[in-house]
N, C-alpha and C. Protein backbone atom coordinates (compact mmCIF):
# COMPACT_ATOMS: atom_id res chain seq x y z
N MET A 1 -4.41 140.70 167.25
CA MET A 1 -4.58 141.34 165.97
C MET A 1 -3.23 141.36 165.25
N LEU A 2 -2.11 141.62 165.95
CA LEU A 2 -0.73 141.64 165.40
C LEU A 2 -0.38 140.37 164.82
N GLN A 3 -0.69 139.18 165.54
CA GLN A 3 -0.44 137.88 165.05
C GLN A 3 -1.15 137.56 163.94
N LEU A 4 -2.48 137.94 163.78
CA LEU A 4 -3.21 137.60 162.61
C LEU A 4 -2.65 138.33 161.40
N VAL A 5 -2.32 139.52 161.52
CA VAL A 5 -1.70 140.25 160.36
C VAL A 5 -0.33 139.67 159.89
N SER A 6 0.42 139.25 161.05
CA SER A 6 1.70 138.63 160.71
C SER A 6 1.44 137.23 159.96
N ARG A 7 0.47 136.49 160.31
CA ARG A 7 0.17 135.29 159.71
C ARG A 7 -0.29 135.55 158.22
N PHE A 8 -1.03 136.56 158.02
CA PHE A 8 -1.51 137.05 156.70
C PHE A 8 -0.30 137.34 155.80
N TYR A 9 0.74 138.04 156.33
CA TYR A 9 1.98 138.33 155.57
C TYR A 9 2.69 136.99 155.27
N GLN A 10 2.70 136.05 156.21
CA GLN A 10 3.44 134.78 156.02
C GLN A 10 2.57 133.89 154.90
N GLY A 11 1.31 134.02 154.98
CA GLY A 11 0.47 133.38 154.01
C GLY A 11 0.68 133.84 152.65
N LEU A 12 0.86 135.28 152.48
CA LEU A 12 1.16 135.79 151.15
C LEU A 12 2.56 135.37 150.73
N LEU A 13 3.53 135.34 151.68
CA LEU A 13 4.77 134.90 151.27
C LEU A 13 4.86 133.45 150.93
N PHE A 14 4.19 132.63 151.61
CA PHE A 14 4.13 131.18 151.11
C PHE A 14 3.47 131.10 149.70
N LEU A 15 2.40 131.87 149.53
CA LEU A 15 1.87 131.75 148.09
C LEU A 15 2.90 132.41 147.07
N SER A 16 3.69 133.37 147.49
CA SER A 16 4.66 133.85 146.58
C SER A 16 5.68 132.64 146.31
N CYS A 17 6.08 131.95 147.23
CA CYS A 17 6.95 130.89 147.02
C CYS A 17 6.42 129.82 146.12
N VAL A 18 5.06 129.61 146.32
CA VAL A 18 4.39 128.60 145.49
C VAL A 18 4.42 129.14 143.99
N SER A 19 4.20 130.40 143.93
CA SER A 19 4.18 131.01 142.57
C SER A 19 5.51 130.85 141.88
N MET A 20 6.64 131.11 142.67
CA MET A 20 7.95 130.98 142.10
C MET A 20 8.32 129.55 141.68
N VAL A 21 7.87 128.59 142.53
CA VAL A 21 7.96 127.12 142.10
C VAL A 21 7.24 126.85 140.82
N ALA A 22 6.04 127.34 140.74
CA ALA A 22 5.21 127.26 139.58
C ALA A 22 5.86 127.92 138.32
N ALA A 23 6.45 129.01 138.46
CA ALA A 23 7.18 129.66 137.33
C ALA A 23 8.39 128.81 136.91
N PHE A 24 9.10 128.34 137.95
CA PHE A 24 10.26 127.43 137.59
C PHE A 24 9.74 126.16 136.94
N GLY A 25 8.76 125.58 137.44
CA GLY A 25 8.21 124.33 136.67
C GLY A 25 7.64 124.57 135.21
N THR A 26 7.08 125.77 135.16
CA THR A 26 6.56 126.05 133.83
C THR A 26 7.72 126.30 132.83
N VAL A 27 8.71 126.96 133.23
CA VAL A 27 9.93 127.28 132.42
C VAL A 27 10.56 125.98 132.08
N LEU A 28 10.83 125.09 133.12
CA LEU A 28 11.36 123.82 132.87
C LEU A 28 10.54 122.99 131.95
N LEU A 29 9.34 122.98 132.16
CA LEU A 29 8.36 122.18 131.20
C LEU A 29 8.54 122.73 129.78
N GLY A 30 8.58 123.99 129.59
CA GLY A 30 8.85 124.67 128.29
C GLY A 30 10.17 124.17 127.71
N VAL A 31 11.24 124.08 128.42
CA VAL A 31 12.58 123.67 127.90
C VAL A 31 12.43 122.32 127.48
N VAL A 32 11.83 121.44 128.31
CA VAL A 32 11.82 120.01 127.99
C VAL A 32 10.74 119.84 126.66
N ALA A 33 9.74 120.52 126.72
CA ALA A 33 8.74 120.46 125.62
C ALA A 33 9.52 120.82 124.36
N ARG A 34 10.25 121.86 124.36
CA ARG A 34 11.07 122.19 123.05
C ARG A 34 11.93 121.23 122.73
N GLU A 35 12.58 120.60 123.58
CA GLU A 35 13.66 119.50 123.22
C GLU A 35 12.87 118.25 122.64
N VAL A 36 11.75 118.00 122.99
CA VAL A 36 11.06 116.83 122.38
C VAL A 36 10.10 117.23 121.40
N GLN A 37 10.10 118.41 120.75
CA GLN A 37 9.32 119.05 119.82
C GLN A 37 7.81 118.88 120.05
N TRP A 38 7.48 119.37 121.30
CA TRP A 38 6.10 119.21 121.79
C TRP A 38 5.64 120.65 122.02
N ASP A 39 4.60 121.12 121.43
CA ASP A 39 4.10 122.45 121.56
C ASP A 39 2.99 122.58 122.70
N ILE A 40 3.29 123.29 123.71
CA ILE A 40 2.31 123.61 124.70
C ILE A 40 1.97 125.05 124.59
N PRO A 41 0.73 125.39 124.09
CA PRO A 41 0.32 126.77 123.90
C PRO A 41 0.12 127.41 125.27
N GLY A 42 0.69 128.68 125.28
CA GLY A 42 0.34 129.52 126.40
C GLY A 42 1.36 129.30 127.69
N LEU A 43 2.32 128.51 127.43
CA LEU A 43 3.16 128.14 128.57
C LEU A 43 3.97 129.30 129.09
N ASP A 44 4.48 130.17 128.08
CA ASP A 44 5.26 131.41 128.50
C ASP A 44 4.34 132.37 129.33
N ALA A 45 3.06 132.48 128.87
CA ALA A 45 2.20 133.30 129.54
C ALA A 45 2.04 132.82 130.99
N TYR A 46 1.70 131.57 131.21
CA TYR A 46 1.64 131.03 132.51
C TYR A 46 2.96 131.28 133.43
N ALA A 47 4.09 131.27 132.88
CA ALA A 47 5.37 131.51 133.58
C ALA A 47 5.27 133.03 133.93
N GLY A 48 4.86 133.86 133.15
CA GLY A 48 4.73 135.33 133.32
C GLY A 48 3.69 135.60 134.44
N TYR A 49 2.62 134.90 134.42
CA TYR A 49 1.63 135.14 135.47
C TYR A 49 2.12 134.73 136.83
N ALA A 50 2.88 133.55 136.91
CA ALA A 50 3.34 133.12 138.13
C ALA A 50 4.45 134.08 138.61
N ILE A 51 5.29 134.56 137.78
CA ILE A 51 6.37 135.55 138.21
C ILE A 51 5.64 136.80 138.79
N ALA A 52 4.73 137.42 138.03
CA ALA A 52 4.04 138.53 138.53
C ALA A 52 3.36 138.36 139.91
N CYS A 53 2.74 137.20 140.08
CA CYS A 53 2.10 136.92 141.35
C CYS A 53 3.15 136.82 142.43
N ALA A 54 4.19 136.12 142.13
CA ALA A 54 5.27 135.99 143.16
C ALA A 54 5.78 137.39 143.64
N LEU A 55 5.93 138.25 142.60
CA LEU A 55 6.47 139.63 142.92
C LEU A 55 5.47 140.36 143.84
N PHE A 56 4.28 140.43 143.44
CA PHE A 56 3.24 141.16 144.20
C PHE A 56 2.98 140.56 145.51
N LEU A 57 2.88 139.23 145.65
CA LEU A 57 2.54 138.54 146.87
C LEU A 57 3.62 138.68 147.93
N ALA A 58 4.92 139.03 147.54
CA ALA A 58 6.02 139.03 148.43
C ALA A 58 6.19 140.58 148.97
N LEU A 59 5.42 141.51 148.39
CA LEU A 59 5.54 142.89 148.83
C LEU A 59 5.48 143.18 150.36
N PRO A 60 4.38 142.71 151.01
CA PRO A 60 4.22 143.05 152.48
C PRO A 60 5.37 142.34 153.30
N ALA A 61 5.82 141.15 153.04
CA ALA A 61 6.83 140.58 153.88
C ALA A 61 8.17 141.21 153.53
N THR A 62 8.41 141.60 152.28
CA THR A 62 9.62 142.28 151.97
C THR A 62 9.72 143.57 152.73
N LEU A 63 8.67 144.40 152.69
CA LEU A 63 8.61 145.66 153.51
C LEU A 63 8.79 145.39 154.96
N ARG A 64 8.33 144.37 155.55
CA ARG A 64 8.46 143.94 156.98
C ARG A 64 9.93 143.73 157.38
N HIS A 65 10.58 143.00 156.37
CA HIS A 65 12.07 142.62 156.67
C HIS A 65 12.93 143.73 156.23
N GLY A 66 12.44 144.87 155.71
CA GLY A 66 13.43 145.99 155.32
C GLY A 66 14.10 145.50 154.08
N GLU A 67 13.69 144.83 153.22
CA GLU A 67 14.46 144.31 152.05
C GLU A 67 14.18 145.24 150.82
N HIS A 68 13.19 146.11 150.83
CA HIS A 68 13.01 147.04 149.75
C HIS A 68 14.19 148.02 149.67
N ILE A 69 14.39 148.42 148.50
CA ILE A 69 15.34 149.43 148.29
C ILE A 69 15.03 150.73 148.91
N ARG A 70 15.78 151.22 149.83
CA ARG A 70 15.49 152.36 150.68
C ARG A 70 16.81 153.31 150.62
N VAL A 71 16.64 154.55 150.67
CA VAL A 71 17.74 155.40 150.77
C VAL A 71 17.83 155.98 152.16
N THR A 72 18.88 155.52 152.95
CA THR A 72 19.04 155.93 154.22
C THR A 72 20.30 156.68 154.43
N LEU A 73 20.90 156.95 153.27
CA LEU A 73 22.04 157.83 153.23
C LEU A 73 21.66 159.24 153.85
N LEU A 74 20.63 159.80 153.44
CA LEU A 74 20.12 161.08 153.91
C LEU A 74 19.63 161.08 155.27
N LEU A 75 18.77 160.01 155.40
CA LEU A 75 18.21 159.91 156.82
C LEU A 75 19.12 159.85 157.89
N ASP A 76 20.16 159.06 157.74
CA ASP A 76 21.15 158.84 158.80
C ASP A 76 21.97 160.10 159.16
N ARG A 77 21.98 161.09 158.31
CA ARG A 77 22.76 162.28 158.51
C ARG A 77 21.83 163.49 159.07
N LEU A 78 20.62 163.17 159.18
CA LEU A 78 19.72 164.30 159.64
C LEU A 78 19.49 164.20 161.18
N PRO A 79 19.24 165.27 161.80
CA PRO A 79 18.86 165.32 163.24
C PRO A 79 17.74 164.49 163.60
N ALA A 80 17.69 164.00 164.78
CA ALA A 80 16.64 162.99 165.11
C ALA A 80 15.25 163.60 164.94
N GLY A 81 15.01 164.80 165.22
CA GLY A 81 13.67 165.41 164.89
C GLY A 81 13.24 165.44 163.48
N VAL A 82 14.17 165.89 162.69
CA VAL A 82 13.92 165.92 161.30
C VAL A 82 13.72 164.48 160.64
N ARG A 83 14.60 163.65 161.21
CA ARG A 83 14.50 162.31 160.67
C ARG A 83 13.10 161.64 161.01
N GLY A 84 12.73 161.87 162.26
CA GLY A 84 11.39 161.35 162.71
C GLY A 84 10.23 161.95 161.85
N ALA A 85 10.31 163.21 161.58
CA ALA A 85 9.28 163.80 160.76
C ALA A 85 9.24 163.22 159.37
N LEU A 86 10.42 163.19 158.80
CA LEU A 86 10.64 162.61 157.50
C LEU A 86 10.11 161.17 157.32
N GLU A 87 10.37 160.35 158.36
CA GLU A 87 9.87 159.01 158.33
C GLU A 87 8.40 158.95 158.36
N TRP A 88 7.72 159.81 159.28
CA TRP A 88 6.28 159.88 159.15
C TRP A 88 5.86 160.23 157.77
N ILE A 89 6.35 161.35 157.20
CA ILE A 89 5.95 161.72 155.86
C ILE A 89 6.04 160.63 154.84
N CYS A 90 7.18 159.94 154.88
CA CYS A 90 7.49 158.85 153.92
C CYS A 90 6.51 157.61 154.11
N LEU A 91 6.20 157.25 155.38
CA LEU A 91 5.26 156.26 155.60
C LEU A 91 3.87 156.53 155.17
N ALA A 92 3.48 157.88 155.40
CA ALA A 92 2.15 158.37 155.00
C ALA A 92 2.08 158.38 153.40
N ILE A 93 3.13 158.81 152.78
CA ILE A 93 3.15 158.75 151.28
C ILE A 93 3.08 157.43 150.71
N GLY A 94 3.84 156.58 151.42
CA GLY A 94 3.91 155.09 151.00
C GLY A 94 2.48 154.42 151.17
N LEU A 95 1.77 154.80 152.29
CA LEU A 95 0.46 154.33 152.55
C LEU A 95 -0.42 154.75 151.44
N GLY A 96 -0.34 156.07 151.07
CA GLY A 96 -1.23 156.51 150.03
C GLY A 96 -0.98 155.88 148.72
N ILE A 97 0.23 155.71 148.40
CA ILE A 97 0.50 155.16 147.09
C ILE A 97 0.09 153.65 147.26
N ALA A 98 0.32 152.90 148.22
CA ALA A 98 -0.09 151.49 148.37
C ALA A 98 -1.50 151.36 148.40
N LEU A 99 -2.25 152.33 148.99
CA LEU A 99 -3.75 152.23 148.97
C LEU A 99 -4.23 152.38 147.51
N ALA A 100 -3.73 153.26 146.73
CA ALA A 100 -4.13 153.56 145.35
C ALA A 100 -3.76 152.31 144.63
N MET A 101 -2.55 151.67 144.81
CA MET A 101 -2.35 150.49 144.10
C MET A 101 -3.34 149.37 144.40
N ALA A 102 -3.62 149.27 145.71
CA ALA A 102 -4.54 148.12 146.05
C ALA A 102 -6.02 148.49 145.40
N TRP A 103 -6.42 149.70 145.42
CA TRP A 103 -7.67 150.13 144.86
C TRP A 103 -7.74 149.81 143.39
N TYR A 104 -6.79 150.20 142.66
CA TYR A 104 -6.88 150.10 141.27
C TYR A 104 -6.53 148.62 140.86
N ALA A 105 -5.78 147.78 141.57
CA ALA A 105 -5.54 146.45 141.23
C ALA A 105 -6.78 145.63 141.57
N SER A 106 -7.55 145.97 142.58
CA SER A 106 -8.79 145.27 142.84
C SER A 106 -9.80 145.58 141.91
N ARG A 107 -9.87 146.83 141.55
CA ARG A 107 -10.82 147.23 140.48
C ARG A 107 -10.52 146.63 139.13
N LEU A 108 -9.26 146.45 138.77
CA LEU A 108 -8.83 145.81 137.60
C LEU A 108 -9.33 144.32 137.46
N VAL A 109 -9.26 143.65 138.68
CA VAL A 109 -9.73 142.23 138.78
C VAL A 109 -11.31 142.27 138.58
N TRP A 110 -11.98 143.16 139.10
CA TRP A 110 -13.40 143.23 139.11
C TRP A 110 -13.79 143.61 137.59
N VAL A 111 -13.20 144.54 136.99
CA VAL A 111 -13.38 144.90 135.59
C VAL A 111 -13.16 143.74 134.62
N SER A 112 -12.00 142.99 134.79
CA SER A 112 -11.60 141.87 134.16
C SER A 112 -12.79 140.60 134.26
N TRP A 113 -13.18 140.60 135.38
CA TRP A 113 -14.27 139.47 135.56
C TRP A 113 -15.52 139.97 135.03
N ALA A 114 -15.92 141.17 135.16
CA ALA A 114 -17.25 141.67 134.71
C ALA A 114 -17.29 141.67 133.12
N THR A 115 -16.12 142.03 132.48
CA THR A 115 -16.24 142.05 130.93
C THR A 115 -15.74 140.74 130.40
N HIS A 116 -15.35 139.73 131.22
CA HIS A 116 -14.89 138.46 130.61
C HIS A 116 -13.72 138.69 129.68
N ASP A 117 -12.73 139.55 130.31
CA ASP A 117 -11.57 139.79 129.59
C ASP A 117 -10.61 138.50 129.68
N ILE A 118 -10.05 138.12 128.50
CA ILE A 118 -9.25 137.03 128.37
C ILE A 118 -7.86 137.39 127.78
N SER A 119 -6.89 136.58 128.07
CA SER A 119 -5.60 136.85 127.50
C SER A 119 -5.52 136.80 126.01
N PRO A 120 -4.75 137.77 125.44
CA PRO A 120 -4.76 137.69 124.04
C PRO A 120 -3.78 136.58 123.54
N GLY A 121 -3.06 135.93 124.37
CA GLY A 121 -2.18 134.94 124.05
C GLY A 121 -2.85 133.58 123.66
N ALA A 122 -2.06 132.65 123.32
CA ALA A 122 -2.59 131.32 123.02
C ALA A 122 -3.26 130.56 124.16
N ASP A 123 -3.04 131.03 125.36
CA ASP A 123 -3.57 130.40 126.57
C ASP A 123 -5.13 130.73 126.65
N ALA A 124 -5.48 131.97 126.40
CA ALA A 124 -6.95 132.36 126.56
C ALA A 124 -7.50 132.27 127.90
N THR A 125 -6.54 132.59 128.85
CA THR A 125 -6.91 132.55 130.27
C THR A 125 -7.76 133.77 130.61
N PRO A 126 -8.79 133.63 131.41
CA PRO A 126 -9.56 134.78 131.92
C PRO A 126 -8.53 135.58 132.85
N LEU A 127 -8.34 136.87 132.49
CA LEU A 127 -7.36 137.65 133.16
C LEU A 127 -7.56 137.93 134.63
N TRP A 128 -8.75 137.82 135.13
CA TRP A 128 -8.97 138.06 136.50
C TRP A 128 -8.32 136.99 137.41
N ILE A 129 -8.08 135.89 136.91
CA ILE A 129 -7.51 134.83 137.77
C ILE A 129 -6.15 135.17 138.03
N PRO A 130 -5.16 135.53 137.10
CA PRO A 130 -3.82 135.91 137.57
C PRO A 130 -3.73 137.29 138.21
N GLN A 131 -4.75 138.04 137.95
CA GLN A 131 -4.71 139.48 138.53
C GLN A 131 -5.05 139.34 140.10
N ILE A 132 -5.63 138.31 140.46
CA ILE A 132 -6.03 138.09 141.92
C ILE A 132 -4.66 138.27 142.73
N GLY A 133 -3.61 137.55 142.31
CA GLY A 133 -2.35 137.64 143.07
C GLY A 133 -1.78 139.04 143.23
N MET A 134 -2.06 139.82 142.11
CA MET A 134 -1.63 141.13 142.19
C MET A 134 -2.46 142.04 143.24
N ALA A 135 -3.83 141.88 143.09
CA ALA A 135 -4.64 142.51 144.07
C ALA A 135 -4.37 142.24 145.57
N LEU A 136 -4.19 140.88 145.80
CA LEU A 136 -3.87 140.37 147.17
C LEU A 136 -2.54 140.96 147.59
N GLY A 137 -1.57 140.95 146.80
CA GLY A 137 -0.24 141.53 147.22
C GLY A 137 -0.36 143.00 147.49
N CYS A 138 -1.04 143.71 146.67
CA CYS A 138 -1.22 145.27 146.86
C CYS A 138 -2.04 145.58 148.13
N ALA A 139 -3.04 144.69 148.38
CA ALA A 139 -3.78 145.02 149.59
C ALA A 139 -2.98 144.69 150.88
N GLY A 140 -2.14 143.64 150.71
CA GLY A 140 -1.16 143.35 151.81
C GLY A 140 -0.16 144.33 152.03
N PHE A 141 0.27 144.96 150.97
CA PHE A 141 1.35 146.07 150.94
C PHE A 141 0.75 147.28 151.66
N ALA A 142 -0.51 147.68 151.34
CA ALA A 142 -1.14 148.71 152.00
C ALA A 142 -1.46 148.43 153.44
N LEU A 143 -1.77 147.28 153.85
CA LEU A 143 -1.90 146.86 155.13
C LEU A 143 -0.63 147.04 155.90
N SER A 144 0.48 146.53 155.31
CA SER A 144 1.85 146.67 156.00
C SER A 144 2.22 148.12 156.19
N PHE A 145 1.93 148.99 155.26
CA PHE A 145 2.21 150.42 155.58
C PHE A 145 1.33 151.05 156.57
N ALA A 146 0.05 150.68 156.62
CA ALA A 146 -0.79 151.04 157.76
C ALA A 146 -0.22 150.58 159.15
N GLN A 147 0.13 149.28 159.12
CA GLN A 147 0.66 148.79 160.37
C GLN A 147 2.01 149.55 160.76
N ALA A 148 2.72 149.83 159.71
CA ALA A 148 4.01 150.64 160.09
C ALA A 148 3.77 151.88 160.71
N LEU A 149 2.72 152.68 160.16
CA LEU A 149 2.43 153.83 160.72
C LEU A 149 1.78 153.74 162.10
N VAL A 150 1.01 152.77 162.40
CA VAL A 150 0.43 152.49 163.68
C VAL A 150 1.58 152.10 164.68
N MET A 151 2.48 151.35 164.34
CA MET A 151 3.53 150.96 165.15
C MET A 151 4.52 152.13 165.34
N ARG A 152 4.79 153.06 164.41
CA ARG A 152 5.47 154.21 164.56
C ARG A 152 4.82 155.12 165.48
N TRP A 153 3.61 155.20 165.52
CA TRP A 153 2.90 156.07 166.40
C TRP A 153 2.96 155.50 167.98
N GLN A 154 3.10 154.22 167.95
CA GLN A 154 3.18 153.51 169.31
C GLN A 154 4.73 153.55 169.83
N GLY A 155 5.61 154.11 168.93
CA GLY A 155 7.03 154.24 169.30
C GLY A 155 7.76 152.97 168.98
N ARG A 156 7.20 152.17 168.27
CA ARG A 156 7.91 150.83 167.81
C ARG A 156 8.35 150.93 166.37
N HIS A 157 9.21 150.04 166.06
CA HIS A 157 9.58 150.02 164.61
C HIS A 157 9.00 148.80 163.98
N PHE A 158 8.46 149.09 162.79
CA PHE A 158 7.83 148.00 161.94
C PHE A 158 8.90 147.30 161.08
N ILE A 159 9.70 148.12 160.43
CA ILE A 159 10.66 147.61 159.49
C ILE A 159 11.97 147.13 160.32
N ALA A 160 12.13 145.92 160.02
CA ALA A 160 13.33 145.28 160.65
C ALA A 160 14.51 145.66 159.80
N VAL A 161 15.68 146.34 160.36
CA VAL A 161 16.76 146.65 159.63
C VAL A 161 17.94 145.83 160.22
N SER A 162 18.71 145.02 159.56
CA SER A 162 19.74 144.35 159.98
C SER A 162 21.09 145.14 159.78
N ALA A 163 22.21 144.76 160.23
CA ALA A 163 23.45 145.35 160.00
C ALA A 163 23.92 145.13 158.58
N ASP A 164 23.55 144.00 158.04
CA ASP A 164 23.91 143.63 156.67
C ASP A 164 23.27 144.67 155.65
N ALA A 165 21.91 144.94 155.97
CA ALA A 165 21.21 145.78 155.11
C ALA A 165 21.69 147.16 155.17
N ALA A 166 22.08 147.68 156.29
CA ALA A 166 22.72 148.89 156.52
C ALA A 166 24.06 149.02 155.74
N ARG A 167 24.84 148.01 155.81
CA ARG A 167 26.17 148.02 155.20
C ARG A 167 25.94 148.11 153.57
N THR A 168 24.99 147.34 153.01
CA THR A 168 24.77 147.19 151.61
C THR A 168 24.13 148.45 151.02
N GLU A 169 23.50 149.21 151.77
CA GLU A 169 22.91 150.38 151.32
C GLU A 169 23.92 151.45 151.10
């Protein structure tokens, strides 16, 4: 099961990379199109959709690698018992927030699909299409917090912290 979840995170990270390349390609195409006086309607919106997808799809892998902004200044100075309790509380609160994000992001996709909501820009894209990346990323983020809680309960660490990360915080 752990390997399946890890592959899910890697798949989301791969899709995030594809989204970043798509954003780069879209911006590059827009620059070239402006130079040759060629108008491509909605190109800026597509770049925005790709960047938003990249950000949300990378959330689970970013948490797993300990790359989210964290405040360890306080945690490092607490006694072990207090630190452990505070880590439990933080993971539980993070799971609650991530579950709420996943629920509302998924609901947003469904409402956009059911109401045939389209982008107000020149692209007129059905909004549920770019919103799928956000919903998938939020669901993966909630899953990663749940996995972190389970691994913490088992006495293992979910979030990988490197020496470089500790130094830069």
